[in-house]
């Protein structure tokens, strides 16, 4: 029997029913660096850091209750987790691998995103139907922005002027002005959207639709639908390559990853990965995609040239949920 993350179960009840490193598949980068995978351990209340080259655990840091999302600010040497179970954000100092701040946000925060320059954090509070804006100089919530529906994702546009807030329960996308923290527009995308990624040039957005088994491609000039791409069952998290040529989509119920060619808006490959994949991230070299499989307690490593699973990081806590990547010296 498949286990779904709490937000997915809540979403179904309401309806009535996811950076960049790697060389030759090794998980290392050129220039003497390595990829590190930061993975949230949902049931273990911890953030794991794993060496992408050796696949060994570097450190495990206790955080808040049920960390469901993570984000990395490498420039400022911080890792963040959104903690679903107790409505907090944990701030981890990458130099000491300890929590330096715990910030109270809304009920059931589901996603956390680092703003331009790292001075702001944006947290999607699923049950509160708000976005918390955190000032990282004072570690205080400076705005609580109401949205229409339960937000699951905050994606910042490459222009750094606005963000899209994906709202599952109303099947919509809201536009958040980053200058004044207000919602300026709302659009409908249908079928329980969960995650969003932008093309590098910002002209397109890709939205995974949990109940539609599809990914919708939006034109960001007006947020009209350009294409609807069939993928696997219950698509969750997504990652886009740095060149924007491919999108990797985790299909929770199908235990697979769909690979979308963005030039043709077609699936060019389906990769079996394991039970309940929920999140994906692509390294800076673009040759390795990391995929979290919640029910297998592991992270699969996919060679993006052959689109095959080449390695597995096993024994990652109890129900890992999200992964973010950063690089450091070997």
Protein backbone atom coordinates (compact mmCIF):
# COMPACT_ATOMS: atom_id res chain seq x y z
CA UNK A 1 0.00 0.00 0.00
CA UNK A 2 1.36 3.41 -0.94
CA UNK A 3 1.96 5.97 1.79
CA UNK A 4 1.50 9.58 0.85
CA UNK A 5 2.96 12.63 2.52
CA UNK A 6 0.51 14.30 4.94
CA UNK A 7 -0.17 17.21 2.59
CA UNK A 8 -1.20 14.78 -0.14
CA UNK A 9 -3.62 13.02 2.19
CA UNK A 10 -5.05 16.36 3.28
CA UNK A 11 -5.39 17.41 -0.34
CA UNK A 12 -7.34 14.28 -1.23
CA UNK A 13 -9.57 14.84 1.78
CA UNK A 14 -10.33 18.39 0.70
CA UNK A 15 -11.32 17.13 -2.73
CA UNK A 16 -13.47 14.43 -1.21
CA UNK A 17 -11.62 11.58 -2.22
CA UNK A 18 11.72 19.48 -5.13
CA UNK A 19 19.87 22.51 -7.51
CA UNK A 20 22.74 21.58 -9.48
CA UNK A 21 27.02 18.77 -9.55
CA UNK A 22 28.77 15.30 -11.17
CA UNK A 23 31.29 13.83 -13.46
CA UNK A 24 30.80 10.63 -15.35
CA UNK A 25 28.01 9.54 -13.02
CA UNK A 26 30.26 9.69 -9.95
CA UNK A 27 28.51 12.51 -8.12
CA UNK A 28 31.65 14.67 -8.14
CA UNK A 29 32.23 18.01 -9.82
CA UNK A 30 35.19 19.23 -11.79
CA UNK A 31 37.71 21.39 -9.99
CA UNK A 32 37.95 19.26 -6.86
CA UNK A 33 34.43 19.72 -5.57
CA UNK A 34 31.70 17.28 -4.64
CA UNK A 35 27.94 17.34 -4.55
CA UNK A 36 26.25 17.16 -1.17
CA UNK A 37 22.61 16.12 -0.94
CA UNK A 38 20.62 17.75 1.86
CA UNK A 39 17.67 15.43 2.55
CA UNK A 40 14.79 15.92 4.98
CA UNK A 41 14.04 12.91 7.21
CA UNK A 42 10.32 13.41 7.76
CA UNK A 43 9.64 10.85 10.50
CA UNK A 44 13.10 11.18 12.03
CA UNK A 45 12.87 14.98 12.49
CA UNK A 46 16.30 15.52 10.99
CA UNK A 47 18.24 16.92 8.03
CA UNK A 48 20.77 14.51 6.51
CA UNK A 49 23.79 15.59 4.48
CA UNK A 50 25.18 12.91 2.17
CA UNK A 51 28.31 12.90 0.01
CA UNK A 52 27.23 12.41 -3.60
CA UNK A 53 30.62 10.92 -4.50
CA UNK A 54 30.97 8.28 -1.77
CA UNK A 55 27.24 8.11 -0.88
CA UNK A 56 28.24 8.25 2.78
CA UNK A 57 26.45 10.28 5.46
CA UNK A 58 28.40 13.41 6.37
CA UNK A 59 26.20 14.56 9.24
CA UNK A 60 22.67 14.41 10.62
CA UNK A 61 21.15 17.49 12.26
CA UNK A 62 18.00 17.40 14.45
CA UNK A 63 15.43 19.95 13.26
CA UNK A 64 11.72 20.60 13.88
CA UNK A 65 8.87 18.11 13.71
CA UNK A 66 8.30 16.42 10.33
CA UNK A 67 10.64 18.40 8.04
CA UNK A 68 8.96 18.22 4.65
CA UNK A 69 10.95 20.69 2.54
CA UNK A 70 14.49 22.01 2.40
CA UNK A 71 16.37 24.80 0.65
CA UNK A 72 20.04 25.76 0.49
CA UNK A 73 21.61 29.22 0.50
CA UNK A 74 25.19 28.28 -0.30
CA UNK A 75 26.46 31.86 -0.52
CA UNK A 76 25.44 32.54 3.07
CA UNK A 77 26.24 28.99 4.24
CA UNK A 78 22.75 28.07 5.41
CA UNK A 79 20.30 25.21 4.99
CA UNK A 80 16.62 25.62 5.81
CA UNK A 81 13.85 23.14 6.58
CA UNK A 82 10.11 23.73 6.67
CA UNK A 83 8.72 21.60 9.50
CA UNK A 84 5.19 20.41 8.79
CA UNK A 85 4.44 19.01 12.24
CA UNK A 86 5.06 22.06 14.42
CA UNK A 87 4.77 25.03 12.07
CA UNK A 88 8.38 26.15 12.18
CA UNK A 89 11.43 26.79 10.04
CA UNK A 90 14.84 25.51 11.15
CA UNK A 91 17.97 27.45 10.18
CA UNK A 92 21.11 25.31 9.93
CA UNK A 93 24.58 26.87 9.91
CA UNK A 94 26.60 24.92 7.29
CA UNK A 95 29.83 25.69 9.14
CA UNK A 96 28.73 24.00 12.36
CA UNK A 97 25.82 21.83 11.11
CA UNK A 98 23.70 23.05 14.00
CA UNK A 99 20.35 24.82 14.20
CA UNK A 100 20.93 28.47 15.02
CA UNK A 101 17.34 29.76 14.74
CA UNK A 102 13.84 28.31 14.90
CA UNK A 103 11.16 30.56 13.43
CA UNK A 104 7.43 30.12 13.97
CA UNK A 105 5.40 30.37 10.76
CA UNK A 106 1.91 29.16 9.82
CA UNK A 107 0.20 25.80 10.19
CA UNK A 108 1.73 22.94 8.20
CA UNK A 109 4.43 24.71 6.19
CA UNK A 110 4.92 22.66 3.05
CA UNK A 111 7.58 24.48 1.03
CA UNK A 112 10.44 26.87 1.67
CA UNK A 113 12.24 28.99 -0.93
CA UNK A 114 15.25 31.30 -0.65
CA UNK A 115 14.67 34.75 -2.11
CA UNK A 116 17.08 36.80 -4.24
CA UNK A 117 20.35 37.44 -2.43
CA UNK A 118 19.28 35.25 0.47
CA UNK A 119 17.74 38.16 2.42
CA UNK A 120 14.24 36.66 2.41
CA UNK A 121 12.65 33.27 2.87
CA UNK A 122 9.21 32.41 1.50
CA UNK A 123 7.24 29.67 3.26
CA UNK A 124 4.03 28.12 1.92
CA UNK A 125 1.76 27.39 4.91
CA UNK A 126 -0.61 24.72 3.61
CA UNK A 127 -3.29 24.71 6.32
CA UNK A 128 -3.09 28.42 7.18
CA UNK A 129 -3.46 29.34 3.48
CA UNK A 130 -0.71 31.92 3.78
CA UNK A 131 2.86 32.64 2.75
CA UNK A 132 5.26 33.72 5.50
CA UNK A 133 8.00 36.13 4.46
CA UNK A 134 11.07 35.91 6.70
CA UNK A 135 13.82 38.53 6.95
CA UNK A 136 17.11 36.61 7.28
CA UNK A 137 18.91 39.55 8.89
CA UNK A 138 16.53 39.76 11.84
CA UNK A 139 15.10 36.21 11.65
CA UNK A 140 11.59 37.57 11.97
CA UNK A 141 8.41 37.15 9.93
CA UNK A 142 7.91 40.52 8.25
CA UNK A 143 4.76 39.63 6.29
CA UNK A 144 2.05 36.99 6.31
CA UNK A 145 0.37 36.97 2.92
CA UNK A 146 -3.09 35.36 2.54
CA UNK A 147 -3.59 33.29 -0.61
CA UNK A 148 -6.68 31.70 -2.15
CA UNK A 149 -6.36 28.03 -1.29
CA UNK A 150 -3.73 25.82 0.33
CA UNK A 151 -0.25 26.65 -0.98
CA UNK A 152 2.16 23.82 -1.72
CA UNK A 153 4.96 25.64 -3.54
CA UNK A 154 6.58 29.05 -3.91
CA UNK A 155 8.61 29.40 -7.12
CA UNK A 156 10.58 32.60 -7.75
CA UNK A 157 10.64 33.86 -11.32
CA UNK A 158 14.13 34.32 -12.85
CA UNK A 159 13.49 38.07 -13.01
CA UNK A 160 13.47 38.04 -9.17
CA UNK A 161 10.55 40.48 -9.20
CA UNK A 162 7.75 38.06 -8.35
CA UNK A 163 7.00 34.53 -7.25
CA UNK A 164 4.28 32.08 -8.16
CA UNK A 165 2.39 30.48 -5.29
CA UNK A 166 0.87 27.14 -6.31
CA UNK A 167 -2.39 26.46 -4.47
CA UNK A 168 -3.60 22.87 -4.52
CA UNK A 169 -7.09 23.06 -3.10
CA UNK A 170 -8.20 25.74 -5.57
CA UNK A 171 -6.07 24.44 -8.46
CA UNK A 172 -4.51 27.81 -8.99
CA UNK A 173 -1.39 29.93 -9.25
CA UNK A 174 -1.14 33.28 -7.46
CA UNK A 175 1.38 35.99 -8.34
CA UNK A 176 3.29 37.36 -5.34
CA UNK A 177 4.95 40.74 -5.82
CA UNK A 178 8.29 40.47 -4.02
CA UNK A 179 8.66 44.24 -3.60
CA UNK A 180 5.55 44.74 -1.48
CA UNK A 181 4.51 41.17 -0.54
CA UNK A 182 1.05 41.37 -2.09
CA UNK A 183 -0.88 39.07 -4.42
CA UNK A 184 -1.46 40.82 -7.75
CA UNK A 185 -3.11 38.09 -9.87
CA UNK A 186 -4.67 34.64 -9.66
CA UNK A 187 -4.82 32.03 -12.42
CA UNK A 188 -6.49 28.64 -12.74
CA UNK A 189 -4.44 25.61 -13.80
CA UNK A 190 -6.75 22.70 -12.77
CA UNK A 191 -6.13 19.19 -11.43
CA UNK A 192 -4.53 19.85 -8.07
CA UNK A 193 -1.19 21.49 -8.92
CA UNK A 194 1.68 20.73 -6.55
CA UNK A 195 5.02 21.97 -7.84
CA UNK A 196 6.37 24.49 -10.35
CA UNK A 197 9.67 25.17 -12.11
CA UNK A 198 10.53 27.98 -14.50
CA UNK A 199 12.52 27.77 -17.70
CA UNK A 200 15.90 29.53 -17.27
CA UNK A 201 14.77 32.42 -19.48
CA UNK A 202 11.55 32.81 -17.50
CA UNK A 203 9.22 32.55 -20.49
CA UNK A 204 7.62 29.26 -19.42
CA UNK A 205 6.51 27.59 -16.23
CA UNK A 206 5.97 23.86 -15.74
CA UNK A 207 3.34 22.78 -13.20
CA UNK A 208 2.86 19.22 -11.94
CA UNK A 209 -0.82 18.29 -11.52
CA UNK A 210 -1.27 15.68 -8.83
CA UNK A 211 -4.79 14.58 -9.76
CA UNK A 212 -4.41 15.02 -13.49
CA UNK A 213 -1.33 12.83 -14.14
CA UNK A 214 -0.07 15.70 -16.28
CA UNK A 215 2.35 18.60 -16.39
CA UNK A 216 0.96 21.88 -17.66
CA UNK A 217 3.19 24.31 -19.55
CA UNK A 218 2.30 27.95 -18.95
CA UNK A 219 3.36 31.04 -20.91
CA UNK A 220 4.49 33.47 -18.24
CA UNK A 221 3.55 36.62 -20.15
CA UNK A 222 -0.12 35.88 -19.45
CA UNK A 223 -0.12 32.44 -17.74
CA UNK A 224 -2.13 30.86 -20.52
CA UNK A 225 -1.68 27.14 -21.11
CA UNK A 226 0.69 26.25 -23.94
CA UNK A 227 0.61 22.47 -23.54
CA UNK A 228 -0.59 19.68 -21.28
CA UNK A 229 1.82 16.74 -21.11
CA UNK A 230 0.70 13.29 -19.86
CA UNK A 231 3.15 11.85 -17.31
CA UNK A 232 2.83 9.16 -14.61
CA UNK A 233 0.28 8.84 -11.82
CA UNK A 234 0.26 11.52 -9.11
CA UNK A 235 3.19 13.67 -10.22
CA UNK A 236 4.89 15.42 -7.28
CA UNK A 237 8.19 17.28 -7.45
CA UNK A 238 10.10 18.47 -10.49
CA UNK A 239 13.58 19.63 -11.50
CA UNK A 240 14.70 21.39 -14.66
CA UNK A 241 18.17 21.26 -16.20
CA UNK A 242 20.28 24.42 -16.18
CA UNK A 243 19.90 24.66 -19.96
CA UNK A 244 16.15 24.19 -19.72
CA UNK A 245 16.07 21.36 -22.24
CA UNK A 246 14.57 18.74 -19.92
CA UNK A 247 12.25 18.53 -16.93
CA UNK A 248 12.34 15.55 -14.55
CA UNK A 249 8.99 14.75 -12.90
CA UNK A 250 8.52 12.36 -9.97
CA UNK A 251 5.40 10.19 -10.28
CA UNK A 252 4.45 9.09 -6.79
CA UNK A 253 1.97 6.32 -7.50
CA UNK A 254 3.86 5.07 -10.53
CA UNK A 255 7.20 4.79 -8.77
CA UNK A 256 8.82 6.47 -11.74
CA UNK A 257 10.32 9.65 -13.17
CA UNK A 258 9.10 11.12 -16.45
CA UNK A 259 11.64 12.99 -18.59
CA UNK A 260 10.12 15.84 -20.61
CA UNK A 261 11.80 17.28 -23.69
CA UNK A 262 10.93 20.96 -23.45
CA UNK A 263 11.45 21.56 -27.18
CA UNK A 264 8.70 19.09 -28.11
CA UNK A 265 6.69 19.09 -24.85
CA UNK A 266 6.75 15.31 -24.94
CA UNK A 267 7.92 12.60 -22.53
CA UNK A 268 11.05 11.01 -23.97
CA UNK A 269 11.76 8.57 -21.15
CA UNK A 270 10.20 6.93 -18.09
CA UNK A 271 12.60 5.72 -15.39
CA UNK A 272 11.54 3.29 -12.66
CA UNK A 273 13.04 4.46 -9.38
CA UNK A 274 11.17 3.02 -6.40
CA UNK A 275 8.31 3.57 -4.00
CA UNK A 276 6.64 6.99 -3.79
CA UNK A 277 9.22 9.33 -5.36
CA UNK A 278 8.54 12.83 -4.11
CA UNK A 279 11.37 15.19 -4.98
CA UNK A 280 14.13 15.69 -7.55
CA UNK A 281 17.22 17.87 -7.93
CA UNK A 282 19.84 18.10 -10.69
CA UNK A 283 23.51 18.78 -10.10
CA UNK A 284 25.45 21.69 -11.55
CA UNK A 285 27.11 19.63 -14.25
CA UNK A 286 23.69 18.40 -15.29
CA UNK A 287 24.75 14.78 -15.45
CA UNK A 288 23.10 13.45 -12.29
CA UNK A 289 19.50 13.76 -11.09
CA UNK A 290 18.83 12.90 -7.45
CA UNK A 291 15.37 11.49 -6.69
CA UNK A 292 13.96 10.89 -3.19
CA UNK A 293 11.88 7.71 -2.76
CA UNK A 294 9.87 8.17 0.43
CA UNK A 295 8.80 4.59 1.04
CA UNK A 296 12.19 3.06 0.22
CA UNK A 297 14.10 5.47 2.49
CA UNK A 298 16.62 6.19 -0.24
CA UNK A 299 17.79 8.61 -2.90
CA UNK A 300 18.23 7.30 -6.45
CA UNK A 301 20.94 8.78 -8.67
CA UNK A 302 20.05 8.98 -12.37
CA UNK A 303 22.55 9.42 -15.20
CA UNK A 304 20.87 12.11 -17.29
CA UNK A 305 22.64 11.06 -20.49
CA UNK A 306 21.34 7.49 -20.46
CA UNK A 307 18.35 8.19 -18.18
CA UNK A 308 19.12 5.14 -16.08
CA UNK A 309 19.52 4.66 -12.33
CA UNK A 310 23.24 4.26 -11.67
CA UNK A 311 23.44 4.46 -7.88
CA UNK A 312 21.37 4.58 -4.71
CA UNK A 313 21.96 6.33 -1.39
CA UNK A 314 20.28 3.96 1.02
CA UNK A 315 19.09 4.14 4.62
CA UNK A 316 18.17 7.83 4.67
CA UNK A 317 16.20 8.00 7.90
CA UNK A 318 12.49 7.21 7.94
CA UNK A 319 10.50 8.56 5.02
CA UNK A 320 12.83 11.11 3.42
CA UNK A 321 10.81 13.79 1.68
CA UNK A 322 12.84 16.48 -0.05
CA UNK A 323 16.33 17.00 -1.46
CA UNK A 324 18.43 20.06 -2.30
CA UNK A 325 22.01 20.02 -3.58
CA UNK A 326 25.08 22.12 -2.98
CA UNK A 327 28.79 21.81 -3.74
CA UNK A 328 31.85 21.98 -1.53
CA UNK A 329 35.55 21.22 -1.72
CA UNK A 330 36.59 17.61 -1.49
